[in-house]
Amino acid sequence: MKTNPDFKTIIAVNKLIHEPARMAIISLLSVVEEADFLFIMNSTSLTQGNLSSHLGKLEEAGYVEIEKTFKGKRPHTVIRLTDSGQGELETYIKTIKEFLRYF
């Protein structure tokens, strides 16, 4: 017999990661060592400004590391998922799976 889901758990889920664009970014970064800005932008279909905004929030939370350099005279931005970001993603996935098992 199934018990009722704990709605408090799903309501308390990490909302920073739960936002669809940030979930796409974090998910993408979880399967690669690093990715450049253009690759993420093209993969997620986010605009340059939108991607920058979401990356800023993820960086502020410590979930991603952003390295800005130059390739020749052109800016080159590389993004990596941090250990903290990977841990938060794993916790998020576990929470969602646990909640959804009731349905």
PDB file of N, CA and C in Angstrom:
ATOM      1  N   MET A   1       0.838  -1.182   0.000  1.00  0.00           N
ATOM      2  CA  MET A   1       0.000   0.000   0.000  1.00  0.00           C
ATOM      3  C   MET A   1       0.883   1.246   0.000  1.00  0.00           C
ATOM      4  N   LYS A   2       0.601   2.145  -0.917  1.00  0.00           N
ATOM      5  CA  LYS A   2       1.375   3.386  -1.000  1.00  0.00           C
ATOM      6  C   LYS A   2       0.913   4.353   0.074  1.00  0.00           C
ATOM      7  N   THR A   3       1.879   5.083   0.596  1.00  0.00           N
ATOM      8  CA  THR A   3       1.553   6.144   1.533  1.00  0.00           C
ATOM      9  C   THR A   3       1.441   7.448   0.749  1.00  0.00           C
ATOM     10  N   ASN A   4       0.981   8.466   1.411  1.00  0.00           N
ATOM     11  CA  ASN A   4       0.850   9.762   0.741  1.00  0.00           C
ATOM     12  C   ASN A   4       2.220  10.404   0.559  1.00  0.00           C
ATOM     13  N   PRO A   5       2.391  11.139  -0.532  1.00  0.00           N
ATOM     14  CA  PRO A   5       3.669  11.828  -0.741  1.00  0.00           C
ATOM     15  C   PRO A   5       3.864  12.934   0.286  1.00  0.00           C
ATOM     16  N   ASP A   6       5.110  13.223   0.572  1.00  0.00           N
ATOM     17  CA  ASP A   6       5.446  14.313   1.484  1.00  0.00           C
ATOM     18  C   ASP A   6       5.560  15.588   0.645  1.00  0.00           C
ATOM     19  N   PHE A   7       4.507  16.354   0.609  1.00  0.00           N
ATOM     20  CA  PHE A   7       4.474  17.561  -0.211  1.00  0.00           C
ATOM     21  C   PHE A   7       5.457  18.619   0.279  1.00  0.00           C
ATOM     22  N   LYS A   8       5.800  18.579   1.558  1.00  0.00           N
ATOM     23  CA  LYS A   8       6.779  19.535   2.081  1.00  0.00           C
ATOM     24  C   LYS A   8       8.126  19.340   1.393  1.00  0.00           C
ATOM     25  N   THR A   9       8.458  18.103   1.085  1.00  0.00           N
ATOM     26  CA  THR A   9       9.736  17.799   0.439  1.00  0.00           C
ATOM     27  C   THR A   9       9.801  18.416  -0.948  1.00  0.00           C
ATOM     28  N   ILE A  10       8.767  18.257  -1.743  1.00  0.00           N
ATOM     29  CA  ILE A  10       8.788  18.770  -3.116  1.00  0.00           C
ATOM     30  C   ILE A  10       8.700  20.300  -3.118  1.00  0.00           C
ATOM     31  N   ILE A  11       8.000  20.852  -2.158  1.00  0.00           N
ATOM     32  CA  ILE A  11       7.901  22.311  -2.080  1.00  0.00           C
ATOM     33  C   ILE A  11       9.257  22.912  -1.706  1.00  0.00           C
ATOM     34  N   ALA A  12      10.044  22.167  -0.941  1.00  0.00           N
ATOM     35  CA  ALA A  12      11.348  22.653  -0.493  1.00  0.00           C
ATOM     36  C   ALA A  12      12.478  22.318  -1.468  1.00  0.00           C
ATOM     37  N   VAL A  13      12.149  21.746  -2.636  1.00  0.00           N
ATOM     38  CA  VAL A  13      13.175  21.368  -3.602  1.00  0.00           C
ATOM     39  C   VAL A  13      13.986  22.606  -4.009  1.00  0.00           C
ATOM     40  N   ASN A  14      15.219  22.395  -4.377  1.00  0.00           N
ATOM     41  CA  ASN A  14      16.120  23.491  -4.755  1.00  0.00           C
ATOM     42  C   ASN A  14      15.550  24.253  -5.956  1.00  0.00           C
ATOM     43  N   LYS A  15      15.000  25.420  -5.693  1.00  0.00           N
ATOM     44  CA  LYS A  15      14.348  26.200  -6.753  1.00  0.00           C
ATOM     45  C   LYS A  15      15.331  26.821  -7.728  1.00  0.00           C
ATOM     46  N   LEU A  16      16.560  27.004  -7.295  1.00  0.00           N
ATOM     47  CA  LEU A  16      17.577  27.533  -8.200  1.00  0.00           C
ATOM     48  C   LEU A  16      17.823  26.549  -9.339  1.00  0.00           C
ATOM     49  N   ILE A  17      17.895  25.270  -9.016  1.00  0.00           N
ATOM     50  CA  ILE A  17      18.102  24.236 -10.033  1.00  0.00           C
ATOM     51  C   ILE A  17      16.798  23.893 -10.744  1.00  0.00           C
ATOM     52  N   HIS A  18      15.674  23.999 -10.040  1.00  0.00           N
ATOM     53  CA  HIS A  18      14.376  23.586 -10.583  1.00  0.00           C
ATOM     54  C   HIS A  18      13.927  24.429 -11.780  1.00  0.00           C
ATOM     55  N   GLU A  19      14.402  25.651 -11.881  1.00  0.00           N
ATOM     56  CA  GLU A  19      14.031  26.523 -13.003  1.00  0.00           C
ATOM     57  C   GLU A  19      14.500  25.849 -14.295  1.00  0.00           C
ATOM     58  N   PRO A  20      13.617  25.699 -15.302  1.00  0.00           N
ATOM     59  CA  PRO A  20      13.937  24.897 -16.497  1.00  0.00           C
ATOM     60  C   PRO A  20      15.234  25.262 -17.229  1.00  0.00           C
ATOM     61  N   ALA A  21      15.515  26.527 -17.410  1.00  0.00           N
ATOM     62  CA  ALA A  21      16.744  26.894 -18.130  1.00  0.00           C
ATOM     63  C   ALA A  21      17.981  26.495 -17.332  1.00  0.00           C
ATOM     64  N   ARG A  22      17.930  26.715 -16.020  1.00  0.00           N
ATOM     65  CA  ARG A  22      19.083  26.340 -15.199  1.00  0.00           C
ATOM     66  C   ARG A  22      19.210  24.827 -15.094  1.00  0.00           C
ATOM     67  N   MET A  23      18.081  24.123 -15.095  1.00  0.00           N
ATOM     68  CA  MET A  23      18.129  22.654 -15.094  1.00  0.00           C
ATOM     69  C   MET A  23      18.793  22.166 -16.376  1.00  0.00           C
ATOM     70  N   ALA A  24      18.476  22.794 -17.493  1.00  0.00           N
ATOM     71  CA  ALA A  24      19.098  22.416 -18.767  1.00  0.00           C
ATOM     72  C   ALA A  24      20.605  22.656 -18.724  1.00  0.00           C
ATOM     73  N   ILE A  25      21.018  23.787 -18.195  1.00  0.00           N
ATOM     74  CA  ILE A  25      22.446  24.127 -18.115  1.00  0.00           C
ATOM     75  C   ILE A  25      23.181  23.139 -17.214  1.00  0.00           C
ATOM     76  N   ILE A  26      22.647  22.926 -16.020  1.00  0.00           N
ATOM     77  CA  ILE A  26      23.290  22.026 -15.047  1.00  0.00           C
ATOM     78  C   ILE A  26      23.333  20.599 -15.590  1.00  0.00           C
ATOM     79  N   SER A  27      22.250  20.148 -16.198  1.00  0.00           N
ATOM     80  CA  SER A  27      22.202  18.789 -16.755  1.00  0.00           C
ATOM     81  C   SER A  27      23.254  18.621 -17.849  1.00  0.00           C
ATOM     82  N   LEU A  28      23.353  19.603 -18.703  1.00  0.00           N
ATOM     83  CA  LEU A  28      24.341  19.563 -19.780  1.00  0.00           C
ATOM     84  C   LEU A  28      25.757  19.505 -19.203  1.00  0.00           C
ATOM     85  N   LEU A  29      26.027  20.343 -18.225  1.00  0.00           N
ATOM     86  CA  LEU A  29      27.367  20.388 -17.637  1.00  0.00           C
ATOM     87  C   LEU A  29      27.705  19.129 -16.836  1.00  0.00           C
ATOM     88  N   SER A  30      26.683  18.405 -16.393  1.00  0.00           N
ATOM     89  CA  SER A  30      26.934  17.206 -15.584  1.00  0.00           C
ATOM     90  C   SER A  30      27.484  16.047 -16.413  1.00  0.00           C
ATOM     91  N   VAL A  31      27.376  16.131 -17.729  1.00  0.00           N
ATOM     92  CA  VAL A  31      27.845  15.027 -18.580  1.00  0.00           C
ATOM     93  C   VAL A  31      29.080  15.380 -19.406  1.00  0.00           C
ATOM     94  N   VAL A  32      29.629  16.559 -19.169  1.00  0.00           N
ATOM     95  CA  VAL A  32      30.866  16.968 -19.847  1.00  0.00           C
ATOM     96  C   VAL A  32      31.833  17.519 -18.803  1.00  0.00           C
ATOM     97  N   GLU A  33      33.100  17.505 -19.130  1.00  0.00           N
ATOM     98  CA  GLU A  33      34.096  18.059 -18.206  1.00  0.00           C
ATOM     99  C   GLU A  33      33.969  19.574 -18.126  1.00  0.00           C
ATOM    100  N   GLU A  34      33.737  20.195 -19.284  1.00  0.00           N
ATOM    101  CA  GLU A  34      33.533  21.633 -19.378  1.00  0.00           C
ATOM    102  C   GLU A  34      32.864  21.923 -20.714  1.00  0.00           C
ATOM    103  N   ALA A  35      32.297  23.107 -20.823  1.00  0.00           N
ATOM    104  CA  ALA A  35      31.654  23.509 -22.072  1.00  0.00           C
ATOM    105  C   ALA A  35      31.842  25.003 -22.255  1.00  0.00           C
ATOM    106  N   ASP A  36      31.993  25.419 -23.502  1.00  0.00           N
ATOM    107  CA  ASP A  36      32.117  26.855 -23.715  1.00  0.00           C
ATOM    108  C   ASP A  36      30.732  27.478 -23.857  1.00  0.00           C
ATOM    109  N   PHE A  37      30.720  28.783 -23.697  1.00  0.00           N
ATOM    110  CA  PHE A  37      29.475  29.548 -23.673  1.00  0.00           C
ATOM    111  C   PHE A  37      28.633  29.286 -24.922  1.00  0.00           C
ATOM    112  N   LEU A  38      29.253  29.314 -26.092  1.00  0.00           N
ATOM    113  CA  LEU A  38      28.500  29.125 -27.337  1.00  0.00           C
ATOM    114  C   LEU A  38      27.885  27.735 -27.442  1.00  0.00           C
ATOM    115  N   PHE A  39      28.610  26.726 -26.963  1.00  0.00           N
ATOM    116  CA  PHE A  39      28.069  25.364 -26.983  1.00  0.00           C
ATOM    117  C   PHE A  39      26.819  25.288 -26.109  1.00  0.00           C
ATOM    118  N   ILE A  40      26.887  25.862 -24.916  1.00  0.00           N
ATOM    119  CA  ILE A  40      25.725  25.833 -24.019  1.00  0.00           C
ATOM    120  C   ILE A  40      24.579  26.633 -24.616  1.00  0.00           C
ATOM    121  N   MET A  41      24.889  27.793 -25.168  1.00  0.00           N
ATOM    122  CA  MET A  41      23.861  28.635 -25.769  1.00  0.00           C
ATOM    123  C   MET A  41      23.156  27.899 -26.916  1.00  0.00           C
ATOM    124  N   ASN A  42      23.920  27.267 -27.786  1.00  0.00           N
ATOM    125  CA  ASN A  42      23.338  26.533 -28.910  1.00  0.00           C
ATOM    126  C   ASN A  42      22.583  25.287 -28.460  1.00  0.00           C
ATOM    127  N   SER A  43      23.092  24.611 -27.448  1.00  0.00           N
ATOM    128  CA  SER A  43      22.456  23.384 -26.961  1.00  0.00           C
ATOM    129  C   SER A  43      21.142  23.650 -26.244  1.00  0.00           C
ATOM    130  N   THR A  44      21.072  24.765 -25.541  1.00  0.00           N
ATOM    131  CA  THR A  44      19.876  25.078 -24.750  1.00  0.00           C
ATOM    132  C   THR A  44      18.898  26.008 -25.464  1.00  0.00           C
ATOM    133  N   SER A  45      19.330  26.616 -26.558  1.00  0.00           N
ATOM    134  CA  SER A  45      18.523  27.602 -27.303  1.00  0.00           C
ATOM    135  C   SER A  45      18.215  28.850 -26.485  1.00  0.00           C
ATOM    136  N   LEU A  46      19.035  29.123 -25.476  1.00  0.00           N
ATOM    137  CA  LEU A  46      18.871  30.353 -24.713  1.00  0.00           C
ATOM    138  C   LEU A  46      19.558  31.497 -25.449  1.00  0.00           C
ATOM    139  N   THR A  47      19.063  32.707 -25.247  1.00  0.00           N
ATOM    140  CA  THR A  47      19.730  33.863 -25.834  1.00  0.00           C
ATOM    141  C   THR A  47      21.003  34.146 -25.033  1.00  0.00           C
ATOM    142  N   GLN A  48      21.867  34.944 -25.595  1.00  0.00           N
ATOM    143  CA  GLN A  48      23.116  35.292 -24.939  1.00  0.00           C
ATOM    144  C   GLN A  48      22.862  35.942 -23.574  1.00  0.00           C
ATOM    145  N   GLY A  49      21.957  36.901 -23.549  1.00  0.00           N
ATOM    146  CA  GLY A  49      21.650  37.601 -22.300  1.00  0.00           C
ATOM    147  C   GLY A  49      21.000  36.692 -21.264  1.00  0.00           C
ATOM    148  N   ASN A  50      20.080  35.852 -21.714  1.00  0.00           N
ATOM    149  CA  ASN A  50      19.388  34.935 -20.815  1.00  0.00           C
ATOM    150  C   ASN A  50      20.366  33.931 -20.222  1.00  0.00           C
ATOM    151  N   LEU A  51      21.232  33.373 -21.066  1.00  0.00           N
ATOM    152  CA  LEU A  51      22.233  32.415 -20.595  1.00  0.00           C
ATOM    153  C   LEU A  51      23.172  33.086 -19.594  1.00  0.00           C
ATOM    154  N   SER A  52      23.623  34.295 -19.901  1.00  0.00           N
ATOM    155  CA  SER A  52      24.515  35.026 -18.995  1.00  0.00           C
ATOM    156  C   SER A  52      23.867  35.224 -17.630  1.00  0.00           C
ATOM    157  N   SER A  53      22.602  35.586 -17.631  1.00  0.00           N
ATOM    158  CA  SER A  53      21.875  35.805 -16.391  1.00  0.00           C
ATOM    159  C   SER A  53      21.785  34.528 -15.558  1.00  0.00           C
ATOM    160  N   HIS A  54      21.415  33.421 -16.196  1.00  0.00           N
ATOM    161  CA  HIS A  54      21.301  32.150 -15.485  1.00  0.00           C
ATOM    162  C   HIS A  54      22.662  31.664 -14.990  1.00  0.00           C
ATOM    163  N   LEU A  55      23.693  31.818 -15.806  1.00  0.00           N
ATOM    164  CA  LEU A  55      25.032  31.420 -15.379  1.00  0.00           C
ATOM    165  C   LEU A  55      25.501  32.246 -14.185  1.00  0.00           C
ATOM    166  N   GLY A  56      25.154  33.523 -14.174  1.00  0.00           N
ATOM    167  CA  GLY A  56      25.512  34.380 -13.050  1.00  0.00           C
ATOM    168  C   GLY A  56      24.901  33.883 -11.746  1.00  0.00           C
ATOM    169  N   LYS A  57      23.639  33.468 -11.802  1.00  0.00           N
ATOM    170  CA  LYS A  57      22.969  32.948 -10.607  1.00  0.00           C
ATOM    171  C   LYS A  57      23.596  31.632 -10.160  1.00  0.00           C
ATOM    172  N   LEU A  58      23.917  30.784 -11.120  1.00  0.00           N
ATOM    173  CA  LEU A  58      24.537  29.494 -10.783  1.00  0.00           C
ATOM    174  C   LEU A  58      25.947  29.696 -10.221  1.00  0.00           C
ATOM    175  N   GLU A  59      26.667  30.665 -10.769  1.00  0.00           N
ATOM    176  CA  GLU A  59      28.014  30.954 -10.278  1.00  0.00           C
ATOM    177  C   GLU A  59      27.944  31.537  -8.865  1.00  0.00           C
ATOM    178  N   GLU A  60      27.013  32.440  -8.637  1.00  0.00           N
ATOM    179  CA  GLU A  60      26.843  33.048  -7.319  1.00  0.00           C
ATOM    180  C   GLU A  60      26.547  31.991  -6.251  1.00  0.00           C
ATOM    181  N   ALA A  61      25.805  30.965  -6.634  1.00  0.00           N
ATOM    182  CA  ALA A  61      25.466  29.878  -5.704  1.00  0.00           C
ATOM    183  C   ALA A  61      26.621  28.897  -5.530  1.00  0.00           C
ATOM    184  N   GLY A  62      27.643  29.022  -6.385  1.00  0.00           N
ATOM    185  CA  GLY A  62      28.785  28.117  -6.293  1.00  0.00           C
ATOM    186  C   GLY A  62      28.592  26.818  -7.051  1.00  0.00           C
ATOM    187  N   TYR A  63      27.588  26.767  -7.923  1.00  0.00           N
ATOM    188  CA  TYR A  63      27.288  25.534  -8.664  1.00  0.00           C
ATOM    189  C   TYR A  63      28.105  25.400  -9.942  1.00  0.00           C
ATOM    190  N   VAL A  64      28.532  26.531 -10.506  1.00  0.00           N
ATOM    191  CA  VAL A  64      29.377  26.499 -11.700  1.00  0.00           C
ATOM    192  C   VAL A  64      30.585  27.401 -11.496  1.00  0.00           C
ATOM    193  N   GLU A  65      31.611  27.091 -12.249  1.00  0.00           N
ATOM    194  CA  GLU A  65      32.838  27.882 -12.269  1.00  0.00           C
ATOM    195  C   GLU A  65      32.968  28.436 -13.691  1.00  0.00           C
ATOM    196  N   ILE A  66      33.194  29.726 -13.812  1.00  0.00           N
ATOM    197  CA  ILE A  66      33.285  30.366 -15.119  1.00  0.00           C
ATOM    198  C   ILE A  66      34.691  30.928 -15.298  1.00  0.00           C
ATOM    199  N   GLU A  67      35.304  30.544 -16.413  1.00  0.00           N
ATOM    200  CA  GLU A  67      36.660  31.006 -16.728  1.00  0.00           C
ATOM    201  C   GLU A  67      36.605  31.795 -18.038  1.00  0.00           C
ATOM    202  N   LYS A  68      36.980  33.061 -17.958  1.00  0.00           N
ATOM    203  CA  LYS A  68      36.962  33.922 -19.147  1.00  0.00           C
ATOM    204  C   LYS A  68      38.397  34.162 -19.608  1.00  0.00           C
ATOM    205  N   THR A  69      38.659  33.806 -20.862  1.00  0.00           N
ATOM    206  CA  THR A  69      39.978  33.997 -21.447  1.00  0.00           C
ATOM    207  C   THR A  69      39.793  34.552 -22.859  1.00  0.00           C
ATOM    208  N   PHE A  70      40.863  34.564 -23.609  1.00  0.00           N
ATOM    209  CA  PHE A  70      40.797  34.976 -25.005  1.00  0.00           C
ATOM    210  C   PHE A  70      41.410  33.894 -25.872  1.00  0.00           C
ATOM    211  N   LYS A  71      40.811  33.677 -27.027  1.00  0.00           N
ATOM    212  CA  LYS A  71      41.391  32.849 -28.080  1.00  0.00           C
ATOM    213  C   LYS A  71      41.758  33.827 -29.183  1.00  0.00           C
ATOM    214  N   GLY A  72      43.027  34.138 -29.249  1.00  0.00           N
ATOM    215  CA  GLY A  72      43.432  35.220 -30.142  1.00  0.00           C
ATOM    216  C   GLY A  72      42.891  36.513 -29.576  1.00  0.00           C
ATOM    217  N   LYS A  73      42.099  37.212 -30.372  1.00  0.00           N
ATOM    218  CA  LYS A  73      41.514  38.464 -29.911  1.00  0.00           C
ATOM    219  C   LYS A  73      40.057  38.305 -29.494  1.00  0.00           C
ATOM    220  N   ARG A  74      39.550  37.077 -29.561  1.00  0.00           N
ATOM    221  CA  ARG A  74      38.145  36.847 -29.231  1.00  0.00           C
ATOM    222  C   ARG A  74      37.988  36.310 -27.807  1.00  0.00           C
ATOM    223  N   PRO A  75      36.978  36.803 -27.106  1.00  0.00           N
ATOM    224  CA  PRO A  75      36.711  36.273 -25.768  1.00  0.00           C
ATOM    225  C   PRO A  75      36.275  34.806 -25.851  1.00  0.00           C
ATOM    226  N   HIS A  76      36.693  34.039 -24.874  1.00  0.00           N
ATOM    227  CA  HIS A  76      36.330  32.625 -24.812  1.00  0.00           C
ATOM    228  C   HIS A  76      35.964  32.310 -23.366  1.00  0.00           C
ATOM    229  N   THR A  77      34.721  31.879 -23.157  1.00  0.00           N
ATOM    230  CA  THR A  77      34.229  31.595 -21.816  1.00  0.00           C
ATOM    231  C   THR A  77      33.976  30.104 -21.678  1.00  0.00           C
ATOM    232  N   VAL A  78      34.575  29.506 -20.653  1.00  0.00           N
ATOM    233  CA  VAL A  78      34.418  28.076 -20.383  1.00  0.00           C
ATOM    234  C   VAL A  78      33.720  27.924 -19.037  1.00  0.00           C
ATOM    235  N   ILE A  79      32.755  27.016 -18.980  1.00  0.00           N
ATOM    236  CA  ILE A  79      31.973  26.801 -17.768  1.00  0.00           C
ATOM    237  C   ILE A  79      32.125  25.347 -17.334  1.00  0.00           C
ATOM    238  N   ARG A  80      32.296  25.159 -16.024  1.00  0.00           N
ATOM    239  CA  ARG A  80      32.406  23.828 -15.437  1.00  0.00           C
ATOM    240  C   ARG A  80      31.432  23.710 -14.271  1.00  0.00           C
ATOM    241  N   LEU A  81      30.882  22.530 -14.095  1.00  0.00           N
ATOM    242  CA  LEU A  81      30.054  22.242 -12.938  1.00  0.00           C
ATOM    243  C   LEU A  81      30.988  21.982 -11.752  1.00  0.00           C
ATOM    244  N   THR A  82      30.728  22.615 -10.627  1.00  0.00           N
ATOM    245  CA  THR A  82      31.556  22.400  -9.435  1.00  0.00           C
ATOM    246  C   THR A  82      31.095  21.135  -8.707  1.00  0.00           C
ATOM    247  N   ASP A  83      31.889  20.690  -7.762  1.00  0.00           N
ATOM    248  CA  ASP A  83      31.488  19.546  -6.938  1.00  0.00           C
ATOM    249  C   ASP A  83      30.190  19.858  -6.196  1.00  0.00           C
ATOM    250  N   SER A  84      30.076  21.089  -5.738  1.00  0.00           N
ATOM    251  CA  SER A  84      28.856  21.519  -5.056  1.00  0.00           C
ATOM    252  C   SER A  84      27.656  21.455  -6.000  1.00  0.00           C
ATOM    253  N   GLY A  85      27.845  21.915  -7.224  1.00  0.00           N
ATOM    254  CA  GLY A  85      26.775  21.863  -8.221  1.00  0.00           C
ATOM    255  C   GLY A  85      26.367  20.436  -8.539  1.00  0.00           C
ATOM    256  N   GLN A  86      27.347  19.549  -8.659  1.00  0.00           N
ATOM    257  CA  GLN A  86      27.058  18.137  -8.921  1.00  0.00           C
ATOM    258  C   GLN A  86      26.279  17.530  -7.753  1.00  0.00           C
ATOM    259  N   GLY A  87      26.700  17.863  -6.541  1.00  0.00           N
ATOM    260  CA  GLY A  87      26.002  17.357  -5.358  1.00  0.00           C
ATOM    261  C   GLY A  87      24.575  17.852  -5.270  1.00  0.00           C
ATOM    262  N   GLU A  88      24.375  19.127  -5.579  1.00  0.00           N
ATOM    263  CA  GLU A  88      23.021  19.694  -5.557  1.00  0.00           C
ATOM    264  C   GLU A  88      22.137  19.056  -6.625  1.00  0.00           C
ATOM    265  N   LEU A  89      22.713  18.800  -7.794  1.00  0.00           N
ATOM    266  CA  LEU A  89      21.952  18.138  -8.858  1.00  0.00           C
ATOM    267  C   LEU A  89      21.545  16.739  -8.419  1.00  0.00           C
ATOM    268  N   GLU A  90      22.461  15.997  -7.831  1.00  0.00           N
ATOM    269  CA  GLU A  90      22.157  14.639  -7.368  1.00  0.00           C
ATOM    270  C   GLU A  90      21.073  14.640  -6.297  1.00  0.00           C
ATOM    271  N   THR A  91      21.146  15.600  -5.376  1.00  0.00           N
ATOM    272  CA  THR A  91      20.121  15.727  -4.334  1.00  0.00           C
ATOM    273  C   THR A  91      18.772  16.073  -4.955  1.00  0.00           C
ATOM    274  N   TYR A  92      18.781  16.984  -5.907  1.00  0.00           N
ATOM    275  CA  TYR A  92      17.553  17.384  -6.602  1.00  0.00           C
ATOM    276  C   TYR A  92      16.910  16.174  -7.291  1.00  0.00           C
ATOM    277  N   ILE A  93      17.711  15.427  -8.036  1.00  0.00           N
ATOM    278  CA  ILE A  93      17.189  14.255  -8.758  1.00  0.00           C
ATOM    279  C   ILE A  93      16.619  13.235  -7.777  1.00  0.00           C
ATOM    280  N   LYS A  94      17.323  12.989  -6.695  1.00  0.00           N
ATOM    281  CA  LYS A  94      16.863  12.035  -5.673  1.00  0.00           C
ATOM    282  C   LYS A  94      15.519  12.485  -5.091  1.00  0.00           C
ATOM    283  N   THR A  95      15.406  13.777  -4.794  1.00  0.00           N
ATOM    284  CA  THR A  95      14.169  14.322  -4.227  1.00  0.00           C
ATOM    285  C   THR A  95      13.010  14.175  -5.202  1.00  0.00           C
ATOM    286  N   ILE A  96      13.231  14.513  -6.462  1.00  0.00           N
ATOM    287  CA  ILE A  96      12.171  14.411  -7.473  1.00  0.00           C
ATOM    288  C   ILE A  96      11.747  12.954  -7.654  1.00  0.00           C
ATOM    289  N   LYS A  97      12.713  12.041  -7.756  1.00  0.00           N
ATOM    290  CA  LYS A  97      12.400  10.615  -7.913  1.00  0.00           C
ATOM    291  C   LYS A  97      11.597  10.096  -6.721  1.00  0.00           C
ATOM    292  N   GLU A  98      12.030  10.482  -5.533  1.00  0.00           N
ATOM    293  CA  GLU A  98      11.335  10.047  -4.317  1.00  0.00           C
ATOM    294  C   GLU A  98       9.892  10.537  -4.313  1.00  0.00           C
ATOM    295  N   PHE A  99       9.706  11.778  -4.699  1.00  0.00           N
ATOM    296  CA  PHE A  99       8.359  12.352  -4.720  1.00  0.00           C
ATOM    297  C   PHE A  99       7.489  11.671  -5.775  1.00  0.00           C
ATOM    298  N   LEU A 100       8.039  11.450  -6.970  1.00  0.00           N
ATOM    299  CA  LEU A 100       7.262  10.907  -8.077  1.00  0.00           C
ATOM    300  C   LEU A 100       6.914   9.428  -7.903  1.00  0.00           C
ATOM    301  N   ARG A 101       7.580   8.735  -7.024  1.00  0.00           N
ATOM    302  CA  ARG A 101       7.274   7.308  -6.840  1.00  0.00           C
ATOM    303  C   ARG A 101       5.883   7.089  -6.278  1.00  0.00           C
ATOM    304  N   TYR A 102       5.272   8.130  -5.755  1.00  0.00           N
ATOM    305  CA  TYR A 102       3.918   8.020  -5.206  1.00  0.00           C
ATOM    306  C   TYR A 102       2.836   8.075  -6.278  1.00  0.00           C
ATOM    307  N   PHE A 103       3.231   8.373  -7.505  1.00  0.00           N
ATOM    308  CA  PHE A 103       2.213   8.577  -8.545  1.00  0.00           C
ATOM    309  C   PHE A 103       2.317   7.549  -9.635  1.00  0.00           C
TER     310      PHE A 103
END
